[in-house]
PDB file of N, CA and C in Angstrom:
ATOM      1  N   MET A   1     -15.906 -13.847  16.471  1.00  0.00           N
ATOM      2  CA  MET A   1     -15.748 -13.629  17.892  1.00  0.00           C
ATOM      3  C   MET A   1     -15.604 -12.127  18.142  1.00  0.00           C
ATOM      4  N   ARG A   2     -16.255 -11.659  19.184  1.00  0.00           N
ATOM      5  CA  ARG A   2     -16.207 -10.247  19.540  1.00  0.00           C
ATOM      6  C   ARG A   2     -15.321 -10.044  20.766  1.00  0.00           C
ATOM      7  N   ILE A   3     -14.500  -9.014  20.716  1.00  0.00           N
ATOM      8  CA  ILE A   3     -13.609  -8.690  21.826  1.00  0.00           C
ATOM      9  C   ILE A   3     -14.413  -8.421  23.096  1.00  0.00           C
ATOM     10  N   ASP A   4     -15.538  -7.744  22.953  1.00  0.00           N
ATOM     11  CA  ASP A   4     -16.357  -7.401  24.126  1.00  0.00           C
ATOM     12  C   ASP A   4     -16.892  -8.627  24.849  1.00  0.00           C
ATOM     13  N   ASP A   5     -16.957  -9.759  24.174  1.00  0.00           N
ATOM     14  CA  ASP A   5     -17.480 -10.993  24.777  1.00  0.00           C
ATOM     15  C   ASP A   5     -16.408 -11.787  25.528  1.00  0.00           C
ATOM     16  N   ILE A   6     -15.168 -11.338  25.466  1.00  0.00           N
ATOM     17  CA  ILE A   6     -14.060 -12.045  26.103  1.00  0.00           C
ATOM     18  C   ILE A   6     -13.767 -11.392  27.449  1.00  0.00           C
ATOM     19  N   GLU A   7     -13.858 -12.176  28.499  1.00  0.00           N
ATOM     20  CA  GLU A   7     -13.602 -11.657  29.845  1.00  0.00           C
ATOM     21  C   GLU A   7     -12.104 -11.681  30.132  1.00  0.00           C
ATOM     22  N   VAL A   8     -11.564 -10.486  30.323  1.00  0.00           N
ATOM     23  CA  VAL A   8     -10.142 -10.344  30.629  1.00  0.00           C
ATOM     24  C   VAL A   8     -10.027  -9.887  32.075  1.00  0.00           C
ATOM     25  N   LYS A   9      -9.408 -10.725  32.906  1.00  0.00           N
ATOM     26  CA  LYS A   9      -9.225 -10.404  34.329  1.00  0.00           C
ATOM     27  C   LYS A   9      -7.769 -10.041  34.578  1.00  0.00           C
ATOM     28  N   LYS A  10      -7.583  -9.040  35.418  1.00  0.00           N
ATOM     29  CA  LYS A  10      -6.235  -8.608  35.772  1.00  0.00           C
ATOM     30  C   LYS A  10      -5.444  -9.797  36.325  1.00  0.00           C
ATOM     31  N   GLY A  11      -4.282 -10.037  35.709  1.00  0.00           N
ATOM     32  CA  GLY A  11      -3.419 -11.126  36.138  1.00  0.00           C
ATOM     33  C   GLY A  11      -3.917 -12.515  35.758  1.00  0.00           C
ATOM     34  N   GLY A  12      -4.988 -12.583  35.000  1.00  0.00           N
ATOM     35  CA  GLY A  12      -5.563 -13.874  34.635  1.00  0.00           C
ATOM     36  C   GLY A  12      -5.043 -14.411  33.318  1.00  0.00           C
ATOM     37  N   SER A  13      -5.846 -15.261  32.720  1.00  0.00           N
ATOM     38  CA  SER A  13      -5.493 -15.816  31.411  1.00  0.00           C
ATOM     39  C   SER A  13      -6.766 -16.035  30.594  1.00  0.00           C
ATOM     40  N   VAL A  14      -6.584 -15.966  29.300  1.00  0.00           N
ATOM     41  CA  VAL A  14      -7.669 -16.169  28.344  1.00  0.00           C
ATOM     42  C   VAL A  14      -7.194 -17.214  27.348  1.00  0.00           C
ATOM     43  N   THR A  15      -8.039 -18.177  27.042  1.00  0.00           N
ATOM     44  CA  THR A  15      -7.715 -19.179  26.032  1.00  0.00           C
ATOM     45  C   THR A  15      -8.706 -19.051  24.887  1.00  0.00           C
ATOM     46  N   ILE A  16      -8.164 -18.932  23.679  1.00  0.00           N
ATOM     47  CA  ILE A  16      -8.954 -18.818  22.456  1.00  0.00           C
ATOM     48  C   ILE A  16      -8.632 -20.061  21.618  1.00  0.00           C
ATOM     49  N   ASP A  17      -9.657 -20.707  21.076  1.00  0.00           N
ATOM     50  CA  ASP A  17      -9.426 -21.911  20.269  1.00  0.00           C
ATOM     51  C   ASP A  17      -8.499 -21.632  19.093  1.00  0.00           C
ATOM     52  N   SER A  18      -8.744 -20.528  18.383  1.00  0.00           N
ATOM     53  CA  SER A  18      -7.919 -20.204  17.223  1.00  0.00           C
ATOM     54  C   SER A  18      -7.969 -18.715  16.934  1.00  0.00           C
ATOM     55  N   ILE A  19      -6.873 -18.196  16.482  1.00  0.00           N
ATOM     56  CA  ILE A  19      -6.800 -16.796  16.064  1.00  0.00           C
ATOM     57  C   ILE A  19      -7.756 -16.541  14.893  1.00  0.00           C
ATOM     58  N   PHE A  20      -8.082 -17.617  14.160  1.00  0.00           N
ATOM     59  CA  PHE A  20      -8.949 -17.480  12.987  1.00  0.00           C
ATOM     60  C   PHE A  20     -10.420 -17.306  13.355  1.00  0.00           C
ATOM     61  N   GLU A  21     -10.742 -17.310  14.644  1.00  0.00           N
ATOM     62  CA  GLU A  21     -12.101 -17.031  15.080  1.00  0.00           C
ATOM     63  C   GLU A  21     -12.434 -15.544  14.974  1.00  0.00           C
ATOM     64  N   PHE A  22     -11.409 -14.717  14.854  1.00  0.00           N
ATOM     65  CA  PHE A  22     -11.625 -13.277  14.772  1.00  0.00           C
ATOM     66  C   PHE A  22     -11.928 -12.871  13.332  1.00  0.00           C
ATOM     67  N   GLU A  23     -12.672 -11.788  13.199  1.00  0.00           N
ATOM     68  CA  GLU A  23     -13.081 -11.327  11.881  1.00  0.00           C
ATOM     69  C   GLU A  23     -12.079 -10.376  11.239  1.00  0.00           C
ATOM     70  N   SER A  24     -11.206  -9.787  12.053  1.00  0.00           N
ATOM     71  CA  SER A  24     -10.241  -8.843  11.488  1.00  0.00           C
ATOM     72  C   SER A  24      -8.939  -8.876  12.275  1.00  0.00           C
ATOM     73  N   SER A  25      -7.903  -8.403  11.640  1.00  0.00           N
ATOM     74  CA  SER A  25      -6.609  -8.338  12.308  1.00  0.00           C
ATOM     75  C   SER A  25      -6.649  -7.315  13.440  1.00  0.00           C
ATOM     76  N   LEU A  26      -7.480  -6.300  13.302  1.00  0.00           N
ATOM     77  CA  LEU A  26      -7.620  -5.296  14.356  1.00  0.00           C
ATOM     78  C   LEU A  26      -8.148  -5.931  15.646  1.00  0.00           C
ATOM     79  N   ASP A  27      -9.075  -6.882  15.518  1.00  0.00           N
ATOM     80  CA  ASP A  27      -9.600  -7.577  16.694  1.00  0.00           C
ATOM     81  C   ASP A  27      -8.496  -8.334  17.437  1.00  0.00           C
ATOM     82  N   VAL A  28      -7.618  -8.960  16.689  1.00  0.00           N
ATOM     83  CA  VAL A  28      -6.503  -9.696  17.299  1.00  0.00           C
ATOM     84  C   VAL A  28      -5.615  -8.724  18.065  1.00  0.00           C
ATOM     85  N   THR A  29      -5.258  -7.620  17.416  1.00  0.00           N
ATOM     86  CA  THR A  29      -4.413  -6.606  18.040  1.00  0.00           C
ATOM     87  C   THR A  29      -5.072  -6.026  19.286  1.00  0.00           C
ATOM     88  N   MET A  30      -6.371  -5.749  19.201  1.00  0.00           N
ATOM     89  CA  MET A  30      -7.094  -5.180  20.337  1.00  0.00           C
ATOM     90  C   MET A  30      -7.132  -6.151  21.519  1.00  0.00           C
ATOM     91  N   LEU A  31      -7.338  -7.436  21.249  1.00  0.00           N
ATOM     92  CA  LEU A  31      -7.355  -8.421  22.332  1.00  0.00           C
ATOM     93  C   LEU A  31      -5.988  -8.504  23.004  1.00  0.00           C
ATOM     94  N   ILE A  32      -4.945  -8.580  22.215  1.00  0.00           N
ATOM     95  CA  ILE A  32      -3.597  -8.669  22.786  1.00  0.00           C
ATOM     96  C   ILE A  32      -3.297  -7.431  23.618  1.00  0.00           C
ATOM     97  N   ASP A  33      -3.655  -6.265  23.116  1.00  0.00           N
ATOM     98  CA  ASP A  33      -3.425  -5.026  23.856  1.00  0.00           C
ATOM     99  C   ASP A  33      -4.229  -4.996  25.155  1.00  0.00           C
ATOM    100  N   LYS A  34      -5.483  -5.402  25.079  1.00  0.00           N
ATOM    101  CA  LYS A  34      -6.354  -5.443  26.265  1.00  0.00           C
ATOM    102  C   LYS A  34      -5.764  -6.382  27.327  1.00  0.00           C
ATOM    103  N   CYS A  35      -5.290  -7.535  26.899  1.00  0.00           N
ATOM    104  CA  CYS A  35      -4.700  -8.508  27.823  1.00  0.00           C
ATOM    105  C   CYS A  35      -3.377  -7.989  28.399  1.00  0.00           C
ATOM    106  N   ARG A  36      -2.561  -7.383  27.581  1.00  0.00           N
ATOM    107  CA  ARG A  36      -1.271  -6.863  28.066  1.00  0.00           C
ATOM    108  C   ARG A  36      -1.475  -5.780  29.110  1.00  0.00           C
ATOM    109  N   ARG A  37      -2.447  -4.892  28.891  1.00  0.00           N
ATOM    110  CA  ARG A  37      -2.720  -3.825  29.862  1.00  0.00           C
ATOM    111  C   ARG A  37      -3.220  -4.386  31.189  1.00  0.00           C
ATOM    112  N   ALA A  38      -3.891  -5.523  31.148  1.00  0.00           N
ATOM    113  CA  ALA A  38      -4.419  -6.151  32.359  1.00  0.00           C
ATOM    114  C   ALA A  38      -3.443  -7.146  32.976  1.00  0.00           C
ATOM    115  N   GLY A  39      -2.275  -7.316  32.347  1.00  0.00           N
ATOM    116  CA  GLY A  39      -1.326  -8.314  32.843  1.00  0.00           C
ATOM    117  C   GLY A  39      -1.865  -9.725  32.698  1.00  0.00           C
ATOM    118  N   CYS A  40      -2.657  -9.913  31.681  1.00  0.00           N
ATOM    119  CA  CYS A  40      -3.342 -11.181  31.419  1.00  0.00           C
ATOM    120  C   CYS A  40      -2.632 -11.911  30.273  1.00  0.00           C
ATOM    121  N   THR A  41      -2.522 -13.203  30.383  1.00  0.00           N
ATOM    122  CA  THR A  41      -1.935 -14.026  29.330  1.00  0.00           C
ATOM    123  C   THR A  41      -3.042 -14.484  28.388  1.00  0.00           C
ATOM    124  N   VAL A  42      -2.749 -14.466  27.087  1.00  0.00           N
ATOM    125  CA  VAL A  42      -3.718 -14.984  26.118  1.00  0.00           C
ATOM    126  C   VAL A  42      -3.067 -16.141  25.370  1.00  0.00           C
ATOM    127  N   ARG A  43      -3.817 -17.213  25.226  1.00  0.00           N
ATOM    128  CA  ARG A  43      -3.327 -18.430  24.558  1.00  0.00           C
ATOM    129  C   ARG A  43      -4.207 -18.730  23.360  1.00  0.00           C
ATOM    130  N   PHE A  44      -3.587 -18.910  22.200  1.00  0.00           N
ATOM    131  CA  PHE A  44      -4.274 -19.342  20.990  1.00  0.00           C
ATOM    132  C   PHE A  44      -3.930 -20.820  20.803  1.00  0.00           C
ATOM    133  N   GLU A  45      -4.885 -21.691  21.099  1.00  0.00           N
ATOM    134  CA  GLU A  45      -4.640 -23.135  21.117  1.00  0.00           C
ATOM    135  C   GLU A  45      -4.207 -23.678  19.758  1.00  0.00           C
ATOM    136  N   ASN A  46      -4.987 -23.439  18.714  1.00  0.00           N
ATOM    137  CA  ASN A  46      -4.704 -24.006  17.395  1.00  0.00           C
ATOM    138  C   ASN A  46      -3.304 -23.636  16.902  1.00  0.00           C
ATOM    139  N   GLU A  47      -2.894 -22.415  17.192  1.00  0.00           N
ATOM    140  CA  GLU A  47      -1.615 -21.915  16.702  1.00  0.00           C
ATOM    141  C   GLU A  47      -0.459 -22.184  17.671  1.00  0.00           C
ATOM    142  N   ASP A  48      -0.789 -22.741  18.844  1.00  0.00           N
ATOM    143  CA  ASP A  48       0.200 -23.031  19.876  1.00  0.00           C
ATOM    144  C   ASP A  48       1.011 -21.779  20.231  1.00  0.00           C
ATOM    145  N   LEU A  49       0.280 -20.670  20.440  1.00  0.00           N
ATOM    146  CA  LEU A  49       0.910 -19.392  20.766  1.00  0.00           C
ATOM    147  C   LEU A  49       0.408 -18.886  22.110  1.00  0.00           C
ATOM    148  N   THR A  50       1.320 -18.480  22.946  1.00  0.00           N
ATOM    149  CA  THR A  50       0.972 -17.866  24.216  1.00  0.00           C
ATOM    150  C   THR A  50       1.580 -16.474  24.250  1.00  0.00           C
ATOM    151  N   ILE A  51       0.734 -15.487  24.515  1.00  0.00           N
ATOM    152  CA  ILE A  51       1.168 -14.099  24.574  1.00  0.00           C
ATOM    153  C   ILE A  51       1.117 -13.673  26.036  1.00  0.00           C
ATOM    154  N   ASP A  52       2.277 -13.285  26.562  1.00  0.00           N
ATOM    155  CA  ASP A  52       2.351 -12.855  27.950  1.00  0.00           C
ATOM    156  C   ASP A  52       3.126 -11.543  28.024  1.00  0.00           C
ATOM    157  N   SER A  53       3.596 -11.203  29.205  1.00  0.00           N
ATOM    158  CA  SER A  53       4.268  -9.914  29.399  1.00  0.00           C
ATOM    159  C   SER A  53       5.572  -9.786  28.602  1.00  0.00           C
ATOM    160  N   SER A  54       6.134 -10.882  28.142  1.00  0.00           N
ATOM    161  CA  SER A  54       7.384 -10.823  27.376  1.00  0.00           C
ATOM    162  C   SER A  54       7.146 -10.561  25.886  1.00  0.00           C
ATOM    163  N   PHE A  55       5.895 -10.472  25.480  1.00  0.00           N
ATOM    164  CA  PHE A  55       5.549 -10.343  24.056  1.00  0.00           C
ATOM    165  C   PHE A  55       6.280  -9.189  23.372  1.00  0.00           C
ATOM    166  N   SER A  56       6.294  -8.011  23.990  1.00  0.00           N
ATOM    167  CA  SER A  56       6.896  -6.837  23.341  1.00  0.00           C
ATOM    168  C   SER A  56       8.413  -6.945  23.214  1.00  0.00           C
ATOM    169  N   ARG A  57       9.019  -7.893  23.912  1.00  0.00           N
ATOM    170  CA  ARG A  57      10.468  -8.110  23.827  1.00  0.00           C
ATOM    171  C   ARG A  57      10.821  -9.333  22.983  1.00  0.00           C
ATOM    172  N   ASN A  58       9.832  -9.873  22.298  1.00  0.00           N
ATOM    173  CA  ASN A  58      10.047 -11.088  21.520  1.00  0.00           C
ATOM    174  C   ASN A  58       9.669 -10.834  20.056  1.00  0.00           C
ATOM    175  N   PRO A  59      10.623 -10.342  19.245  1.00  0.00           N
ATOM    176  CA  PRO A  59      10.313 -10.000  17.857  1.00  0.00           C
ATOM    177  C   PRO A  59       9.793 -11.184  17.037  1.00  0.00           C
ATOM    178  N   GLY A  60      10.255 -12.377  17.351  1.00  0.00           N
ATOM    179  CA  GLY A  60       9.788 -13.554  16.618  1.00  0.00           C
ATOM    180  C   GLY A  60       8.312 -13.812  16.855  1.00  0.00           C
ATOM    181  N   LYS A  61       7.897 -13.709  18.101  1.00  0.00           N
ATOM    182  CA  LYS A  61       6.490 -13.928  18.429  1.00  0.00           C
ATOM    183  C   LYS A  61       5.629 -12.792  17.865  1.00  0.00           C
ATOM    184  N   MET A  62       6.161 -11.572  17.895  1.00  0.00           N
ATOM    185  CA  MET A  62       5.431 -10.437  17.319  1.00  0.00           C
ATOM    186  C   MET A  62       5.235 -10.643  15.816  1.00  0.00           C
ATOM    187  N   ALA A  63       6.260 -11.121  15.139  1.00  0.00           N
ATOM    188  CA  ALA A  63       6.157 -11.375  13.699  1.00  0.00           C
ATOM    189  C   ALA A  63       5.158 -12.496  13.423  1.00  0.00           C
ATOM    190  N   THR A  64       5.161 -13.518  14.258  1.00  0.00           N
ATOM    191  CA  THR A  64       4.219 -14.627  14.079  1.00  0.00           C
ATOM    192  C   THR A  64       2.782 -14.139  14.212  1.00  0.00           C
ATOM    193  N   ILE A  65       2.503 -13.335  15.228  1.00  0.00           N
ATOM    194  CA  ILE A  65       1.159 -12.783  15.401  1.00  0.00           C
ATOM    195  C   ILE A  65       0.790 -11.910  14.213  1.00  0.00           C
ATOM    196  N   THR A  66       1.728 -11.129  13.718  1.00  0.00           N
ATOM    197  CA  THR A  66       1.467 -10.288  12.552  1.00  0.00           C
ATOM    198  C   THR A  66       1.089 -11.142  11.345  1.00  0.00           C
ATOM    199  N   LEU A  67       1.829 -12.206  11.121  1.00  0.00           N
ATOM    200  CA  LEU A  67       1.534 -13.080   9.981  1.00  0.00           C
ATOM    201  C   LEU A  67       0.159 -13.737  10.109  1.00  0.00           C
ATOM    202  N   TYR A  68      -0.136 -14.266  11.276  1.00  0.00           N
ATOM    203  CA  TYR A  68      -1.453 -14.868  11.491  1.00  0.00           C
ATOM    204  C   TYR A  68      -2.557 -13.823  11.339  1.00  0.00           C
ATOM    205  N   SER A  69      -2.319 -12.630  11.852  1.00  0.00           N
ATOM    206  CA  SER A  69      -3.317 -11.560  11.742  1.00  0.00           C
ATOM    207  C   SER A  69      -3.574 -11.185  10.292  1.00  0.00           C
ATOM    208  N   LEU A  70      -2.524 -11.198   9.486  1.00  0.00           N
ATOM    209  CA  LEU A  70      -2.699 -10.915   8.060  1.00  0.00           C
ATOM    210  C   LEU A  70      -3.556 -11.984   7.392  1.00  0.00           C
ATOM    211  N   LEU A  71      -3.386 -13.231   7.813  1.00  0.00           N
ATOM    212  CA  LEU A  71      -4.218 -14.302   7.266  1.00  0.00           C
ATOM    213  C   LEU A  71      -5.669 -14.162   7.705  1.00  0.00           C
ATOM    214  N   VAL A  72      -5.881 -13.663   8.920  1.00  0.00           N
ATOM    215  CA  VAL A  72      -7.248 -13.388   9.380  1.00  0.00           C
ATOM    216  C   VAL A  72      -7.880 -12.344   8.464  1.00  0.00           C
ATOM    217  N   ALA A  73      -7.105 -11.321   8.135  1.00  0.00           N
ATOM    218  CA  ALA A  73      -7.609 -10.238   7.297  1.00  0.00           C
ATOM    219  C   ALA A  73      -7.741 -10.642   5.827  1.00  0.00           C
ATOM    220  N   HIS A  74      -6.903 -11.570   5.396  1.00  0.00           N
ATOM    221  CA  HIS A  74      -6.873 -11.980   3.984  1.00  0.00           C
ATOM    222  C   HIS A  74      -6.863 -13.509   3.871  1.00  0.00           C
ATOM    223  N   PRO A  75      -7.981 -14.161   4.191  1.00  0.00           N
ATOM    224  CA  PRO A  75      -8.009 -15.631   4.196  1.00  0.00           C
ATOM    225  C   PRO A  75      -7.703 -16.252   2.834  1.00  0.00           C
ATOM    226  N   LYS A  76      -7.915 -15.510   1.757  1.00  0.00           N
ATOM    227  CA  LYS A  76      -7.607 -16.044   0.427  1.00  0.00           C
ATOM    228  C   LYS A  76      -6.117 -16.374   0.312  1.00  0.00           C
ATOM    229  N   ALA A  77      -5.275 -15.615   0.986  1.00  0.00           N
ATOM    230  CA  ALA A  77      -3.833 -15.877   0.943  1.00  0.00           C
ATOM    231  C   ALA A  77      -3.528 -17.259   1.516  1.00  0.00           C
ATOM    232  N   ALA A  78      -4.200 -17.637   2.588  1.00  0.00           N
ATOM    233  CA  ALA A  78      -3.998 -18.963   3.172  1.00  0.00           C
ATOM    234  C   ALA A  78      -4.462 -20.045   2.205  1.00  0.00           C
ATOM    235  N   GLN A  79      -5.606 -19.838   1.595  1.00  0.00           N
ATOM    236  CA  GLN A  79      -6.124 -20.815   0.634  1.00  0.00           C
ATOM    237  C   GLN A  79      -5.199 -20.933  -0.577  1.00  0.00           C
ATOM    238  N   ASP A  80      -4.676 -19.805  -1.048  1.00  0.00           N
ATOM    239  CA  ASP A  80      -3.732 -19.821  -2.171  1.00  0.00           C
ATOM    240  C   ASP A  80      -2.482 -20.619  -1.811  1.00  0.00           C
ATOM    241  N   TYR A  81      -2.008 -20.473  -0.590  1.00  0.00           N
ATOM    242  CA  TYR A  81      -0.820 -21.201  -0.154  1.00  0.00           C
ATOM    243  C   TYR A  81      -1.095 -22.697  -0.078  1.00  0.00           C
ATOM    244  N   ILE A  82      -2.243 -23.061   0.451  1.00  0.00           N
ATOM    245  CA  ILE A  82      -2.626 -24.476   0.508  1.00  0.00           C
ATOM    246  C   ILE A  82      -2.705 -25.056  -0.900  1.00  0.00           C
ATOM    247  N   ASN A  83      -3.329 -24.329  -1.809  1.00  0.00           N
ATOM    248  CA  ASN A  83      -3.420 -24.783  -3.203  1.00  0.00           C
ATOM    249  C   ASN A  83      -2.026 -24.978  -3.802  1.00  0.00           C
ATOM    250  N   TYR A  84      -1.135 -24.035  -3.543  1.00  0.00           N
ATOM    251  CA  TYR A  84       0.236 -24.123  -4.028  1.00  0.00           C
ATOM    252  C   TYR A  84       0.926 -25.386  -3.502  1.00  0.00           C
ATOM    253  N   LEU A  85       0.777 -25.650  -2.203  1.00  0.00           N
ATOM    254  CA  LEU A  85       1.415 -26.824  -1.610  1.00  0.00           C
ATOM    255  C   LEU A  85       0.890 -28.120  -2.222  1.00  0.00           C
ATOM    256  N   PHE A  86      -0.432 -28.196  -2.445  1.00  0.00           N
ATOM    257  CA  PHE A  86      -1.004 -29.392  -3.066  1.00  0.00           C
ATOM    258  C   PHE A  86      -0.483 -29.573  -4.491  1.00  0.00           C
ATOM    259  N   LYS A  87      -0.426 -28.501  -5.246  1.00  0.00           N
ATOM    260  CA  LYS A  87       0.082 -28.590  -6.619  1.00  0.00           C
ATOM    261  C   LYS A  87       1.548 -29.015  -6.625  1.00  0.00           C
ATOM    262  N   LYS A  88       2.331 -28.424  -5.735  1.00  0.00           N
ATOM    263  CA  LYS A  88       3.749 -28.760  -5.660  1.00  0.00           C
ATOM    264  C   LYS A  88       3.934 -30.220  -5.258  1.00  0.00           C
ATOM    265  N   ALA A  89       3.151 -30.687  -4.285  1.00  0.00           N
ATOM    266  CA  ALA A  89       3.254 -32.076  -3.836  1.00  0.00           C
ATOM    267  C   ALA A  89       2.897 -33.037  -4.964  1.00  0.00           C
ATOM    268  N   ASN A  90       1.894 -32.710  -5.743  1.00  0.00           N
ATOM    269  CA  ASN A  90       1.480 -33.578  -6.850  1.00  0.00           C
ATOM    270  C   ASN A  90       2.530 -33.624  -7.948  1.00  0.00           C
ATOM    271  N   LYS A  91       3.200 -32.537  -8.208  1.00  0.00           N
ATOM    272  CA  LYS A  91       4.251 -32.489  -9.243  1.00  0.00           C
ATOM    273  C   LYS A  91       5.500 -33.260  -8.812  1.00  0.00           C
ATOM    274  N   GLU A  92       5.728 -33.304  -7.504  1.00  0.00           N
ATOM    275  CA  GLU A  92       6.926 -33.962  -7.002  1.00  0.00           C
ATOM    276  C   GLU A  92       6.666 -35.387  -6.532  1.00  0.00           C
ATOM    277  N   ALA A  93       5.482 -35.885  -6.794  1.00  0.00           N
ATOM    278  CA  ALA A  93       5.138 -37.237  -6.359  1.00  0.00           C
ATOM    279  C   ALA A  93       6.043 -38.249  -7.062  1.00  0.00           C
ATOM    280  N   PRO A  94       6.494 -39.268  -6.350  1.00  0.00           N
ATOM    281  CA  PRO A  94       7.343 -40.292  -6.967  1.00  0.00           C
ATOM    282  C   PRO A  94       6.637 -40.946  -8.158  1.00  0.00           C
ATOM    283  N   GLY A  95       7.416 -41.213  -9.170  1.00  0.00           N
ATOM    284  CA  GLY A  95       6.872 -41.881 -10.350  1.00  0.00           C
ATOM    285  C   GLY A  95       6.346 -40.934 -11.402  1.00  0.00           C
ATOM    286  N   ASP A  96       6.424 -39.623 -11.179  1.00  0.00           N
ATOM    287  CA  ASP A  96       5.940 -38.650 -12.192  1.00  0.00           C
ATOM    288  C   ASP A  96       6.991 -38.396 -13.233  1.00  0.00           C
TER     289      ASP A  96
END
């Protein structure tokens, strides 16, 4: 997904299916900044995250966006975590 293809209207809102549609963490940061400057709310549906004017005062939400952005930049980390969870679940399965 390209930032230039997203229409940001002053005081409006933008809905994105998933933060993982972006190719880089910089794109995520640029979209959030573009929306904040326009007083526009951005919603990431898959992640159940809404970024509005309170974003800069919400360290938890800022950290969440940072973590998701890192996964956008390094998708192997997400796959490694999924693999870890599957291995852990199999080792802890009842009857083992």
